[in-house]
Amino acid sequence: MSIWIEWVKQIKAISQIGKQFSKDPYDLERYDQLKDLAHEMFARLANMPKERVDHFFISDEGYATPKVDLRGGVFKDGKILLIQERVDGRWALPGGWADVCEPPSVGVVREVLEETGYQTEIIKLVAIKDRGLHPYKPIYPHHIYKLFFLCKLTGGEATENLEAAQVAFFDLDALPPLSGSRTLVEDIFLLRKHMKKPELSTYFD
């Protein structure tokens, strides 16, 4: 099925880029038809109503480029900081979509603070992962890059917020059920590996 998902992404990208550069009303209509076709195909592949898929696609215009997801790895006494997602009740590294006009290093520090109440400083960029090349579930109809930063805890305390149901540190031998759409076990262990050896090179796909 993965190759079909990739084809859907490509059709969606062709539609989006075409609308960016075309001025002909007939071509614009055809590109809209391509977009609808991509949504219909994904709906069939995911066995869900097309209306749900229409809302699932992140609104975007202009030249199609990957989305960027930022995640922060914060350790305390060898334990990893995780948040319980309100959406699925599972746990993940704090983070979220990168904001326009905000450097990734600033964005991940902000995300960690907003979602946990903890203040941090960036130590290093640990990994740049192409989401589609790793077993994150469910499969997204977008091309997404995931940036993982190792962060140093500098202050703050666990704070209730709208993003997370709970905030806690976990021993890596006793991790809670993870939100597979956002965080994999391998992500956490890669962060710990770099915490122990900061001189390691950044992983990238």
Protein backbone atom coordinates (compact mmCIF):
# COMPACT_ATOMS: atom_id res chain seq x y z
CA MET A 1 0.00 0.00 0.00
CA SER A 2 2.91 2.37 0.70
CA ILE A 3 3.58 2.93 -3.02
CA TRP A 4 -0.06 3.96 -3.49
CA ILE A 5 0.28 6.47 -0.65
CA GLU A 6 3.37 7.90 -2.34
CA TRP A 7 1.46 8.22 -5.63
CA VAL A 8 -1.38 10.03 -3.86
CA LYS A 9 1.14 12.46 -2.34
CA GLN A 10 2.66 13.08 -5.77
CA ILE A 11 -0.74 13.74 -7.37
CA LYS A 12 -1.60 16.15 -4.55
CA ALA A 13 1.75 17.93 -4.99
CA ILE A 14 1.29 18.20 -8.77
CA SER A 15 -2.13 19.74 -8.19
CA GLN A 16 -0.83 22.23 -5.64
CA ILE A 17 2.20 23.30 -7.68
CA GLY A 18 0.09 23.53 -10.84
CA LYS A 19 -2.35 25.90 -9.16
CA GLN A 20 0.56 28.04 -8.00
CA PHE A 21 1.99 28.63 -11.47
CA SER A 22 -1.02 28.35 -13.81
CA LYS A 23 -3.29 31.27 -14.72
CA ASP A 24 -5.49 29.45 -17.21
CA PRO A 25 -8.97 28.90 -15.67
CA TYR A 26 -9.34 25.53 -17.41
CA ASP A 27 -5.99 24.32 -16.07
CA LEU A 28 -6.92 25.53 -12.58
CA GLU A 29 -10.12 23.50 -12.78
CA ARG A 30 -8.16 20.42 -13.82
CA TYR A 31 -5.73 20.86 -10.92
CA ASP A 32 -8.70 21.06 -8.54
CA GLN A 33 -9.94 17.81 -10.04
CA LEU A 34 -6.52 16.25 -9.42
CA LYS A 35 -6.71 17.37 -5.79
CA ASP A 36 -10.17 15.82 -5.39
CA LEU A 37 -8.90 12.64 -7.02
CA ALA A 38 -5.99 12.46 -4.58
CA HIS A 39 -8.36 12.90 -1.63
CA GLU A 40 -10.71 10.23 -2.99
CA MET A 41 -7.84 7.79 -3.49
CA PHE A 42 -6.55 8.32 0.04
CA ALA A 43 -10.07 7.89 1.42
CA ARG A 44 -10.34 4.52 -0.34
CA LEU A 45 -6.89 3.43 0.85
CA ALA A 46 -7.62 4.49 4.44
CA ASN A 47 -11.20 3.18 4.35
CA MET A 48 -12.63 6.47 5.59
CA PRO A 49 -15.15 9.03 4.24
CA LYS A 50 -13.72 11.55 1.77
CA GLU A 51 -15.10 14.40 3.92
CA ARG A 52 -12.83 13.30 6.74
CA VAL A 53 -9.85 13.17 4.39
CA ASP A 54 -10.60 16.71 3.19
CA HIS A 55 -10.13 17.91 6.77
CA PHE A 56 -7.17 15.59 7.34
CA PHE A 57 -5.02 17.25 4.67
CA ILE A 58 -3.12 20.23 6.06
CA SER A 59 -4.22 23.37 4.27
CA ASP A 60 -1.46 24.55 2.00
CA GLU A 61 -0.90 26.66 -1.08
CA GLY A 62 1.99 27.48 -3.35
CA TYR A 63 4.87 25.17 -4.17
CA ALA A 64 4.44 21.86 -2.36
CA THR A 65 7.17 21.23 0.23
CA PRO A 66 7.50 18.88 3.22
CA LYS A 67 5.97 19.80 6.58
CA VAL A 68 8.30 19.99 9.59
CA ASP A 69 7.59 18.33 12.94
CA LEU A 70 9.80 19.35 15.89
CA ARG A 71 10.42 17.08 18.90
CA GLY A 72 12.47 17.73 22.03
CA GLY A 73 14.33 15.10 24.04
CA VAL A 74 14.71 16.18 27.67
CA PHE A 75 16.38 13.91 30.25
CA LYS A 76 16.43 14.11 34.03
CA ASP A 77 18.32 11.53 36.08
CA GLY A 78 18.38 9.28 33.02
CA LYS A 79 14.61 9.50 32.50
CA ILE A 80 12.93 10.91 29.39
CA LEU A 81 10.27 13.65 29.49
CA LEU A 82 7.00 12.64 27.79
CA ILE A 83 3.52 14.09 27.46
CA GLN A 84 0.24 12.20 27.32
CA GLU A 85 -1.58 13.29 24.16
CA ARG A 86 -5.22 14.23 24.69
CA VAL A 87 -6.08 13.02 21.18
CA ASP A 88 -5.26 9.32 21.67
CA GLY A 89 -4.32 9.03 25.35
CA ARG A 90 -0.84 7.80 24.47
CA TRP A 91 2.55 9.35 25.20
CA ALA A 92 4.99 11.26 23.03
CA LEU A 93 8.02 13.51 23.06
CA PRO A 94 6.89 17.11 23.46
CA GLY A 95 6.74 19.01 20.18
CA GLY A 96 4.61 19.97 17.21
CA TRP A 97 4.59 21.67 13.81
CA ALA A 98 7.31 24.23 13.08
CA ASP A 99 5.99 27.79 12.85
CA VAL A 100 6.70 30.10 9.94
CA CYS A 101 9.34 32.79 10.71
CA GLU A 102 10.58 30.88 13.77
CA PRO A 103 13.90 28.99 13.80
CA PRO A 104 13.49 25.26 14.59
CA SER A 105 15.72 25.56 17.66
CA VAL A 106 13.49 28.31 19.04
CA GLY A 107 10.32 26.45 18.08
CA VAL A 108 11.19 23.24 19.89
CA VAL A 109 12.13 25.12 23.09
CA ARG A 110 8.79 26.93 22.91
CA GLU A 111 6.88 23.69 22.28
CA VAL A 112 8.51 21.96 25.24
CA LEU A 113 7.68 24.89 27.51
CA GLU A 114 4.07 25.17 26.31
CA GLU A 115 3.40 21.43 26.55
CA THR A 116 5.26 20.62 29.77
CA GLY A 117 6.07 23.78 31.74
CA TYR A 118 9.79 22.99 31.63
CA GLN A 119 12.41 25.45 30.40
CA THR A 120 15.18 24.06 28.22
CA GLU A 121 18.20 24.92 26.09
CA ILE A 122 19.22 23.19 22.88
CA ILE A 123 22.25 20.92 23.08
CA LYS A 124 22.25 19.58 19.53
CA LEU A 125 20.20 18.43 16.56
CA VAL A 126 20.12 14.64 16.91
CA ALA A 127 18.19 13.56 13.81
CA ILE A 128 16.33 14.63 10.68
CA LYS A 129 13.97 11.81 9.75
CA ASP A 130 11.74 11.43 6.72
CA ARG A 131 8.54 10.23 8.40
CA GLY A 132 7.58 8.05 5.45
CA LEU A 133 10.75 5.98 5.76
CA HIS A 134 10.01 4.91 9.34
CA PRO A 135 7.15 2.92 10.93
CA TYR A 136 5.06 5.84 12.24
CA LYS A 137 1.34 5.03 12.21
CA PRO A 138 -1.03 6.02 10.79
CA ILE A 139 0.51 6.94 7.45
CA TYR A 140 0.04 10.65 6.69
CA PRO A 141 -0.97 11.98 3.27
CA HIS A 142 1.78 14.61 3.60
CA HIS A 143 5.53 14.45 3.22
CA ILE A 144 6.87 15.22 6.70
CA TYR A 145 10.35 15.78 8.08
CA LYS A 146 10.79 15.12 11.81
CA LEU A 147 13.55 17.04 13.61
CA PHE A 148 14.71 15.69 16.97
CA PHE A 149 16.63 17.99 19.32
CA LEU A 150 18.47 17.00 22.49
CA CYS A 151 17.58 19.60 25.12
CA LYS A 152 19.05 20.53 28.50
CA LEU A 153 16.61 21.03 31.36
CA THR A 154 17.17 24.48 32.90
CA GLY A 155 14.08 25.14 35.03
CA GLY A 156 10.31 25.11 35.39
CA GLU A 157 7.94 22.44 36.62
CA ALA A 158 5.26 20.17 35.20
CA THR A 159 2.25 22.32 34.33
CA GLU A 160 -1.28 21.39 33.27
CA ASN A 161 -2.16 22.71 29.82
CA LEU A 162 -4.48 22.24 26.85
CA GLU A 163 -1.94 20.23 24.88
CA ALA A 164 -1.13 17.44 27.33
CA ALA A 165 -3.27 15.42 29.72
CA GLN A 166 -0.21 14.53 31.80
CA VAL A 167 3.50 15.34 31.93
CA ALA A 168 6.04 12.92 33.40
CA PHE A 169 9.58 11.53 33.24
CA PHE A 170 9.94 7.82 32.45
CA ASP A 171 12.69 5.28 32.81
CA LEU A 172 13.58 3.91 29.38
CA ASP A 173 13.00 0.38 30.67
CA ALA A 174 9.43 1.28 31.64
CA LEU A 175 8.07 3.43 28.83
CA PRO A 176 4.29 3.95 28.63
CA PRO A 177 2.27 3.19 25.46
CA LEU A 178 3.61 5.60 22.83
CA SER A 179 1.64 7.61 20.30
CA GLY A 180 3.00 5.88 17.20
CA SER A 181 2.08 8.78 14.98
CA ARG A 182 4.44 11.09 16.87
CA THR A 183 7.12 9.09 18.68
CA LEU A 184 8.77 5.70 18.26
CA VAL A 185 10.78 3.80 20.86
CA GLU A 186 13.77 4.08 18.54
CA ASP A 187 13.51 7.89 18.68
CA ILE A 188 13.86 7.89 22.45
CA PHE A 189 16.79 5.48 22.46
CA LEU A 190 18.53 7.49 19.73
CA LEU A 191 18.19 10.61 21.90
CA ARG A 192 19.67 8.78 24.89
CA LYS A 193 22.54 7.54 22.74
CA HIS A 194 23.38 11.13 21.81
CA MET A 195 22.92 12.27 25.40
CA LYS A 196 25.64 9.84 26.45
CA LYS A 197 27.85 10.67 23.44
CA PRO A 198 27.13 14.25 22.27
CA GLU A 199 30.02 13.99 19.81
CA LEU A 200 28.01 11.57 17.63
CA SER A 201 27.07 12.84 14.17
CA THR A 202 23.50 13.91 13.47
CA TYR A 203 21.41 11.13 11.93
CA PHE A 204 19.68 12.01 8.66
CA ASP A 205 17.74 10.21 5.93
